Protein backbone atom coordinates (compact mmCIF):
# COMPACT_ATOMS: atom_id res chain seq x y z
CA UNK A 1 19.42 -17.20 30.09
CA UNK A 2 21.13 -13.87 30.73
CA UNK A 3 22.01 -11.75 27.73
CA UNK A 4 25.73 -11.91 26.92
CA UNK A 5 25.77 -8.38 25.52
CA UNK A 6 24.55 -6.58 28.64
CA UNK A 7 25.11 -9.25 31.36
CA UNK A 8 21.39 -9.29 32.18
CA UNK A 9 20.93 -5.59 32.90
CA UNK A 10 19.11 -4.77 29.66
CA UNK A 11 21.16 -1.60 29.21
CA UNK A 12 24.50 -0.92 27.54
CA UNK A 13 26.89 1.89 28.33
CA UNK A 14 28.88 3.40 25.49
CA UNK A 15 31.76 5.81 25.93
CA UNK A 16 32.69 8.30 23.22
CA UNK A 17 35.82 10.45 23.24
CA UNK A 18 35.02 14.07 22.41
CA UNK A 19 38.49 15.53 22.69
CA UNK A 20 41.54 15.57 24.91
CA UNK A 21 40.47 14.70 28.47
CA UNK A 22 36.76 14.86 27.50
CA UNK A 23 34.50 11.83 27.20
CA UNK A 24 30.77 11.29 26.87
CA UNK A 25 29.07 8.31 28.52
CA UNK A 26 25.67 7.24 27.16
CA UNK A 27 23.30 4.54 28.35
CA UNK A 28 20.89 2.85 25.89
CA UNK A 29 18.83 -0.37 25.70
CA UNK A 30 20.67 -3.49 24.58
CA UNK A 31 20.12 -4.37 20.90
CA UNK A 32 20.54 -8.12 21.40
CA UNK A 33 17.83 -8.61 24.06
CA UNK A 34 15.77 -5.46 23.31
CA UNK A 35 16.21 -4.24 26.90
CA UNK A 36 14.82 -7.36 28.63
CA UNK A 37 18.15 -8.68 29.93
CA UNK A 38 17.52 -12.25 28.83
CA UNK A 39 17.75 -14.23 25.62
CA UNK A 40 16.16 -17.46 24.40
CA UNK A 41 18.12 -20.00 22.35
CA UNK A 42 16.90 -20.49 18.77
CA UNK A 43 16.15 -24.17 19.42
CA UNK A 44 14.04 -23.33 22.52
CA UNK A 45 11.96 -20.56 20.93
CA UNK A 46 8.24 -21.00 20.50
CA UNK A 47 7.39 -21.33 16.79
CA UNK A 48 4.27 -19.21 17.22
CA UNK A 49 5.69 -16.14 19.01
CA UNK A 50 9.37 -16.62 17.98
CA UNK A 51 10.62 -15.84 21.50
CA UNK A 52 8.65 -12.61 21.98
CA UNK A 53 6.46 -14.22 24.71
CA UNK A 54 3.35 -12.50 23.32
CA UNK A 55 0.98 -13.71 20.61
CA UNK A 56 -1.24 -11.24 18.77
CA UNK A 57 -4.78 -12.53 18.54
CA UNK A 58 -8.09 -11.10 17.36
CA UNK A 59 -11.18 -12.04 19.33
CA UNK A 60 -14.86 -11.20 19.15
CA UNK A 61 -16.13 -10.22 22.61
CA UNK A 62 -19.80 -10.09 23.46
CA UNK A 63 -20.95 -7.11 25.55
CA UNK A 64 -24.19 -7.05 27.52
CA UNK A 65 -25.36 -3.45 28.07
CA UNK A 66 -27.85 -3.35 30.91
CA UNK A 67 -30.71 -0.91 31.41
CA UNK A 68 -29.77 2.19 33.35
CA UNK A 69 -26.04 2.11 32.60
CA UNK A 70 -24.41 5.54 32.57
CA UNK A 71 -22.92 7.09 29.44
CA UNK A 72 -19.16 6.30 29.15
CA UNK A 73 -19.37 3.66 31.89
CA UNK A 74 -16.45 1.22 31.62
CA UNK A 75 -16.96 -2.47 31.03
CA UNK A 76 -13.98 -4.70 31.85
CA UNK A 77 -13.13 -8.11 30.47
CA UNK A 78 -11.19 -10.06 33.13
CA UNK A 79 -8.35 -12.19 31.76
CA UNK A 80 -8.53 -10.66 28.27
CA UNK A 81 -5.51 -8.35 28.38
CA UNK A 82 -1.77 -8.43 28.82
CA UNK A 83 0.66 -5.82 30.11
CA UNK A 84 2.54 -6.07 26.82
């Protein structure tokens, strides 16, 4: 559901008065949703990731280096990464 603190934008605007007829307007990420714009109820949160949507996991990957491969050649592992 949308964050109540930022109305789903992920950013909050704070206004600070500096003096007579002078104000400063600052924009910063929302503290409640950490800038995502959405929140998850406590009862609906995953017990493993606690609502972060990402689980840290260590895995042993096996790499097959073939004959004739160039030095610093990249080897990719499809499906083994996340944008987070």
